[in-house]
């Protein structure tokens, strides 16, 4: 059984009694049964929402946040997105990932202490997953233990201002944690 393709929309199953079997029939059945087995709901909707967390808060430099969430089964990587303004870095960690990920933030026209506003904030996301990162500090989606049951994971992120000496700061207003499933070529564990 393979992981169903993202955005898979199952159609009404066609009864093929008496017809010669074709290879497409097996592919259709495999995609449909995997779609059901992976917790997808009726009408093409997921049984769980796409965002694990969308927490509003205001964080500034030197602040370290820790969030524990239940990650759904079949999750291989997790993207983190931040609504922020200013200049600096956000270091992200997951309890199941050996290495951290670093997101450089440079929102033009914002950052001078006292001038931050959520009206000028932009959403910035970690980049695509990397097969074997092997080092800290890369901009990439975080690795999650790939398994067939949901599991509790802790995510940390640390906010650091850019060291420009000009009073430029970084403020984070919200964080979103988004599970990322493998494509249909990945076998289920």
C-alpha atoms as a PDB file:
ATOM      1  CA  UNK A   1       0.000   0.000   0.000  1.00  0.00           C
ATOM      2  CA  UNK A   2       1.395   3.384  -0.970  1.00  0.00           C
ATOM      3  CA  UNK A   3       0.667   6.817   0.451  1.00  0.00           C
ATOM      4  CA  UNK A   4      -2.198   8.504  -1.417  1.00  0.00           C
ATOM      5  CA  UNK A   5      -1.320  11.454  -3.629  1.00  0.00           C
ATOM      6  CA  UNK A   6      -1.819  14.903  -2.131  1.00  0.00           C
ATOM      7  CA  UNK A   7      -5.160  16.345  -3.198  1.00  0.00           C
ATOM      8  CA  UNK A   8      -6.488  12.913  -4.180  1.00  0.00           C
ATOM      9  CA  UNK A   9     -10.230  13.148  -4.855  1.00  0.00           C
ATOM     10  CA  UNK A  10     -11.774   9.673  -4.916  1.00  0.00           C
ATOM     11  CA  UNK A  11     -14.551   9.140  -7.414  1.00  0.00           C
ATOM     12  CA  UNK A  12     -17.511   6.825  -7.047  1.00  0.00           C
ATOM     13  CA  UNK A  13     -16.251   3.278  -7.370  1.00  0.00           C
ATOM     14  CA  UNK A  14     -17.337   1.529 -10.550  1.00  0.00           C
ATOM     15  CA  UNK A  15     -18.456  -2.083 -10.248  1.00  0.00           C
ATOM     16  CA  UNK A  16     -16.632  -4.064 -12.923  1.00  0.00           C
ATOM     17  CA  UNK A  17     -18.243  -7.495 -12.457  1.00  0.00           C
ATOM     18  CA  UNK A  18     -17.699  -9.645 -15.490  1.00  0.00           C
ATOM     19  CA  UNK A  19     -15.180  -7.280 -17.086  1.00  0.00           C
ATOM     20  CA  UNK A  20     -11.597  -8.230 -17.807  1.00  0.00           C
ATOM     21  CA  UNK A  21      -9.297  -6.956 -15.066  1.00  0.00           C
ATOM     22  CA  UNK A  22      -6.981  -4.123 -16.062  1.00  0.00           C
ATOM     23  CA  UNK A  23      -3.923  -2.751 -14.276  1.00  0.00           C
ATOM     24  CA  UNK A  24      -5.694   0.584 -13.752  1.00  0.00           C
ATOM     25  CA  UNK A  25      -8.313  -1.183 -11.613  1.00  0.00           C
ATOM     26  CA  UNK A  26      -5.690  -2.257  -9.075  1.00  0.00           C
ATOM     27  CA  UNK A  27      -4.159   1.227  -8.985  1.00  0.00           C
ATOM     28  CA  UNK A  28      -7.583   2.779  -8.424  1.00  0.00           C
ATOM     29  CA  UNK A  29      -8.398   0.359  -5.601  1.00  0.00           C
ATOM     30  CA  UNK A  30      -4.985   0.843  -3.977  1.00  0.00           C
ATOM     31  CA  UNK A  31      -5.273   4.636  -4.021  1.00  0.00           C
ATOM     32  CA  UNK A  32      -8.821   4.523  -2.668  1.00  0.00           C
ATOM     33  CA  UNK A  33      -8.110   2.057   0.162  1.00  0.00           C
ATOM     34  CA  UNK A  34      -4.960   3.911   1.168  1.00  0.00           C
ATOM     35  CA  UNK A  35      -6.939   7.170   1.177  1.00  0.00           C
ATOM     36  CA  UNK A  36      -9.343   5.558   3.642  1.00  0.00           C
ATOM     37  CA  UNK A  37      -6.612   3.922   5.752  1.00  0.00           C
ATOM     38  CA  UNK A  38      -4.703   7.176   6.202  1.00  0.00           C
ATOM     39  CA  UNK A  39      -7.553   8.860   8.046  1.00  0.00           C
ATOM     40  CA  UNK A  40      -9.088  10.860   5.239  1.00  0.00           C
ATOM     41  CA  UNK A  41     -12.720  11.774   5.793  1.00  0.00           C
ATOM     42  CA  UNK A  42     -15.838  11.794   3.671  1.00  0.00           C
ATOM     43  CA  UNK A  43     -16.157  14.140   0.739  1.00  0.00           C
ATOM     44  CA  UNK A  44     -12.409  14.413   0.125  1.00  0.00           C
ATOM     45  CA  UNK A  45     -11.759  16.218   3.416  1.00  0.00           C
ATOM     46  CA  UNK A  46      -9.033  15.220   5.788  1.00  0.00           C
ATOM     47  CA  UNK A  47     -10.055  13.704   9.106  1.00  0.00           C
ATOM     48  CA  UNK A  48      -7.710  16.197  10.777  1.00  0.00           C
ATOM     49  CA  UNK A  49      -7.016  19.790   9.819  1.00  0.00           C
ATOM     50  CA  UNK A  50      -3.863  20.778   7.955  1.00  0.00           C
ATOM     51  CA  UNK A  51      -2.481  23.073  10.655  1.00  0.00           C
ATOM     52  CA  UNK A  52      -1.463  21.495  13.941  1.00  0.00           C
ATOM     53  CA  UNK A  53      -1.127  24.845  15.627  1.00  0.00           C
ATOM     54  CA  UNK A  54      -1.781  28.438  14.760  1.00  0.00           C
ATOM     55  CA  UNK A  55      -0.923  30.179  18.006  1.00  0.00           C
ATOM     56  CA  UNK A  56      -1.004  33.961  18.304  1.00  0.00           C
ATOM     57  CA  UNK A  57       1.591  35.602  20.548  1.00  0.00           C
ATOM     58  CA  UNK A  58       4.209  38.312  20.449  1.00  0.00           C
ATOM     59  CA  UNK A  59       7.800  37.200  20.833  1.00  0.00           C
ATOM     60  CA  UNK A  60      10.982  39.221  20.736  1.00  0.00           C
ATOM     61  CA  UNK A  61      14.707  38.509  20.694  1.00  0.00           C
ATOM     62  CA  UNK A  62      16.146  36.052  23.168  1.00  0.00           C
ATOM     63  CA  UNK A  63      12.807  34.380  23.774  1.00  0.00           C
ATOM     64  CA  UNK A  64      12.615  30.603  23.422  1.00  0.00           C
ATOM     65  CA  UNK A  65       9.224  28.986  22.954  1.00  0.00           C
ATOM     66  CA  UNK A  66       8.368  25.316  23.349  1.00  0.00           C
ATOM     67  CA  UNK A  67       5.183  23.740  21.988  1.00  0.00           C
ATOM     68  CA  UNK A  68       4.084  20.103  22.326  1.00  0.00           C
ATOM     69  CA  UNK A  69       1.547  18.820  19.805  1.00  0.00           C
ATOM     70  CA  UNK A  70       0.162  15.515  18.580  1.00  0.00           C
ATOM     71  CA  UNK A  71       1.542  14.893  15.107  1.00  0.00           C
ATOM     72  CA  UNK A  72      -0.785  12.765  12.938  1.00  0.00           C
ATOM     73  CA  UNK A  73       0.259   9.396  11.575  1.00  0.00           C
ATOM     74  CA  UNK A  74       2.080   9.194   8.235  1.00  0.00           C
ATOM     75  CA  UNK A  75       3.843  12.528   8.853  1.00  0.00           C
ATOM     76  CA  UNK A  76       7.420  12.578   7.602  1.00  0.00           C
ATOM     77  CA  UNK A  77       8.311  16.289   7.895  1.00  0.00           C
ATOM     78  CA  UNK A  78       6.883  19.386   9.555  1.00  0.00           C
ATOM     79  CA  UNK A  79       6.916  22.907   8.154  1.00  0.00           C
ATOM     80  CA  UNK A  80       6.924  25.855  10.534  1.00  0.00           C
ATOM     81  CA  UNK A  81       5.701  29.261   9.455  1.00  0.00           C
ATOM     82  CA  UNK A  82       6.035  32.561  11.310  1.00  0.00           C
ATOM     83  CA  UNK A  83       4.110  35.801  10.951  1.00  0.00           C
ATOM     84  CA  UNK A  84       6.791  38.353  11.739  1.00  0.00           C
ATOM     85  CA  UNK A  85       8.362  41.737  11.065  1.00  0.00           C
ATOM     86  CA  UNK A  86      11.929  42.938  11.323  1.00  0.00           C
ATOM     87  CA  UNK A  87      15.354  41.433  10.830  1.00  0.00           C
ATOM     88  CA  UNK A  88      16.923  38.404  12.511  1.00  0.00           C
ATOM     89  CA  UNK A  89      16.777  34.615  12.715  1.00  0.00           C
ATOM     90  CA  UNK A  90      14.490  31.969  14.143  1.00  0.00           C
ATOM     91  CA  UNK A  91      16.121  28.679  15.166  1.00  0.00           C
ATOM     92  CA  UNK A  92      13.662  25.737  15.023  1.00  0.00           C
ATOM     93  CA  UNK A  93      14.038  22.326  16.651  1.00  0.00           C
ATOM     94  CA  UNK A  94      11.939  19.153  16.854  1.00  0.00           C
ATOM     95  CA  UNK A  95      12.289  16.470  19.521  1.00  0.00           C
ATOM     96  CA  UNK A  96      12.623  13.818  16.796  1.00  0.00           C
ATOM     97  CA  UNK A  97      15.157  15.697  14.641  1.00  0.00           C
ATOM     98  CA  UNK A  98      18.893  15.482  15.324  1.00  0.00           C
ATOM     99  CA  UNK A  99      19.664  18.868  13.774  1.00  0.00           C
ATOM    100  CA  UNK A 100      18.041  22.280  14.031  1.00  0.00           C
ATOM    101  CA  UNK A 101      16.843  24.495  11.190  1.00  0.00           C
ATOM    102  CA  UNK A 102      17.468  28.231  10.929  1.00  0.00           C
ATOM    103  CA  UNK A 103      15.156  30.667   9.185  1.00  0.00           C
ATOM    104  CA  UNK A 104      16.647  34.048   8.215  1.00  0.00           C
ATOM    105  CA  UNK A 105      14.094  36.871   8.383  1.00  0.00           C
ATOM    106  CA  UNK A 106      14.501  40.146   6.479  1.00  0.00           C
ATOM    107  CA  UNK A 107      11.200  41.991   6.098  1.00  0.00           C
ATOM    108  CA  UNK A 108      11.983  45.227   4.243  1.00  0.00           C
ATOM    109  CA  UNK A 109      10.874  48.465   5.849  1.00  0.00           C
ATOM    110  CA  UNK A 110      10.358  46.977   9.317  1.00  0.00           C
ATOM    111  CA  UNK A 111      12.501  46.279  12.305  1.00  0.00           C
ATOM    112  CA  UNK A 112      13.507  49.547  13.929  1.00  0.00           C
ATOM    113  CA  UNK A 113      12.631  49.228  17.598  1.00  0.00           C
ATOM    114  CA  UNK A 114       9.212  50.742  18.247  1.00  0.00           C
ATOM    115  CA  UNK A 115       8.058  50.620  14.605  1.00  0.00           C
ATOM    116  CA  UNK A 116       6.807  47.036  14.518  1.00  0.00           C
ATOM    117  CA  UNK A 117       3.220  46.474  13.451  1.00  0.00           C
ATOM    118  CA  UNK A 118       1.267  43.371  12.604  1.00  0.00           C
ATOM    119  CA  UNK A 119      -0.070  45.325   9.598  1.00  0.00           C
ATOM    120  CA  UNK A 120       3.411  45.179   8.024  1.00  0.00           C
ATOM    121  CA  UNK A 121       4.173  41.596   9.069  1.00  0.00           C
ATOM    122  CA  UNK A 122       4.715  38.820   6.535  1.00  0.00           C
ATOM    123  CA  UNK A 123       4.438  35.032   6.723  1.00  0.00           C
ATOM    124  CA  UNK A 124       7.822  33.304   6.366  1.00  0.00           C
ATOM    125  CA  UNK A 125       8.170  29.499   6.100  1.00  0.00           C
ATOM    126  CA  UNK A 126      10.921  26.941   6.513  1.00  0.00           C
ATOM    127  CA  UNK A 127      12.075  25.578   3.137  1.00  0.00           C
ATOM    128  CA  UNK A 128      11.542  22.112   1.626  1.00  0.00           C
ATOM    129  CA  UNK A 129      12.794  18.969   3.432  1.00  0.00           C
ATOM    130  CA  UNK A 130      16.370  17.776   2.917  1.00  0.00           C
ATOM    131  CA  UNK A 131      17.083  14.029   2.728  1.00  0.00           C
ATOM    132  CA  UNK A 132      20.061  13.918   5.115  1.00  0.00           C
ATOM    133  CA  UNK A 133      20.846  17.347   6.545  1.00  0.00           C
ATOM    134  CA  UNK A 134      23.900  16.254   8.601  1.00  0.00           C
ATOM    135  CA  UNK A 135      24.499  19.736  10.041  1.00  0.00           C
ATOM    136  CA  UNK A 136      22.753  22.418  12.106  1.00  0.00           C
ATOM    137  CA  UNK A 137      21.643  25.741  10.656  1.00  0.00           C
ATOM    138  CA  UNK A 138      20.068  24.754   7.336  1.00  0.00           C
ATOM    139  CA  UNK A 139      16.759  26.263   6.217  1.00  0.00           C
ATOM    140  CA  UNK A 140      14.617  23.120   5.848  1.00  0.00           C
ATOM    141  CA  UNK A 141      11.478  21.415   7.086  1.00  0.00           C
ATOM    142  CA  UNK A 142      12.028  19.455  10.310  1.00  0.00           C
ATOM    143  CA  UNK A 143      12.174  15.636  10.289  1.00  0.00           C
ATOM    144  CA  UNK A 144       9.558  13.625  12.177  1.00  0.00           C
ATOM    145  CA  UNK A 145       9.654   9.922  13.019  1.00  0.00           C
ATOM    146  CA  UNK A 146       7.591   8.338  10.211  1.00  0.00           C
ATOM    147  CA  UNK A 147       5.081   5.933  11.780  1.00  0.00           C
ATOM    148  CA  UNK A 148       1.543   4.580  11.458  1.00  0.00           C
ATOM    149  CA  UNK A 149       0.195   6.162  14.649  1.00  0.00           C
ATOM    150  CA  UNK A 150      -0.022   9.697  15.944  1.00  0.00           C
ATOM    151  CA  UNK A 151       2.727  10.750  18.335  1.00  0.00           C
ATOM    152  CA  UNK A 152       3.509  13.645  20.636  1.00  0.00           C
ATOM    153  CA  UNK A 153       6.374  15.885  19.545  1.00  0.00           C
ATOM    154  CA  UNK A 154       7.927  18.969  21.102  1.00  0.00           C
ATOM    155  CA  UNK A 155       8.930  21.888  18.896  1.00  0.00           C
ATOM    156  CA  UNK A 156      11.173  24.721  20.066  1.00  0.00           C
ATOM    157  CA  UNK A 157      12.029  27.961  18.371  1.00  0.00           C
ATOM    158  CA  UNK A 158      14.337  30.740  19.481  1.00  0.00           C
ATOM    159  CA  UNK A 159      14.064  34.319  18.219  1.00  0.00           C
ATOM    160  CA  UNK A 160      17.303  36.297  17.666  1.00  0.00           C
ATOM    161  CA  UNK A 161      17.592  39.898  16.483  1.00  0.00           C
ATOM    162  CA  UNK A 162      19.994  40.806  13.702  1.00  0.00           C
ATOM    163  CA  UNK A 163      23.180  42.170  15.240  1.00  0.00           C
ATOM    164  CA  UNK A 164      23.338  45.389  13.230  1.00  0.00           C
ATOM    165  CA  UNK A 165      23.999  47.858  16.052  1.00  0.00           C
ATOM    166  CA  UNK A 166      21.243  50.056  14.614  1.00  0.00           C
ATOM    167  CA  UNK A 167      18.447  48.943  16.943  1.00  0.00           C
ATOM    168  CA  UNK A 168      16.912  46.584  14.363  1.00  0.00           C
ATOM    169  CA  UNK A 169      14.764  43.943  16.030  1.00  0.00           C
ATOM    170  CA  UNK A 170      12.634  40.937  15.097  1.00  0.00           C
ATOM    171  CA  UNK A 171       9.104  40.360  16.363  1.00  0.00           C
ATOM    172  CA  UNK A 172       7.049  37.221  15.812  1.00  0.00           C
ATOM    173  CA  UNK A 173       3.262  37.448  16.046  1.00  0.00           C
ATOM    174  CA  UNK A 174       2.147  33.915  15.268  1.00  0.00           C
ATOM    175  CA  UNK A 175       3.451  30.428  14.489  1.00  0.00           C
ATOM    176  CA  UNK A 176       1.915  27.692  12.337  1.00  0.00           C
ATOM    177  CA  UNK A 177       3.039  24.063  12.441  1.00  0.00           C
ATOM    178  CA  UNK A 178       2.044  22.152   9.322  1.00  0.00           C
ATOM    179  CA  UNK A 179       2.483  18.388   8.798  1.00  0.00           C
ATOM    180  CA  UNK A 180       3.945  17.299   5.484  1.00  0.00           C
ATOM    181  CA  UNK A 181       3.245  13.832   4.177  1.00  0.00           C
ATOM    182  CA  UNK A 182       5.460  11.982   1.700  1.00  0.00           C
ATOM    183  CA  UNK A 183       4.422  11.646  -1.909  1.00  0.00           C
ATOM    184  CA  UNK A 184       2.689   8.571  -3.307  1.00  0.00           C
ATOM    185  CA  UNK A 185       5.998   6.818  -4.060  1.00  0.00           C
ATOM    186  CA  UNK A 186       6.786   6.354  -0.341  1.00  0.00           C
ATOM    187  CA  UNK A 187       5.746   3.043   1.170  1.00  0.00           C
ATOM    188  CA  UNK A 188       3.839   3.157   4.434  1.00  0.00           C
ATOM    189  CA  UNK A 189       5.808   1.928   7.473  1.00  0.00           C
END
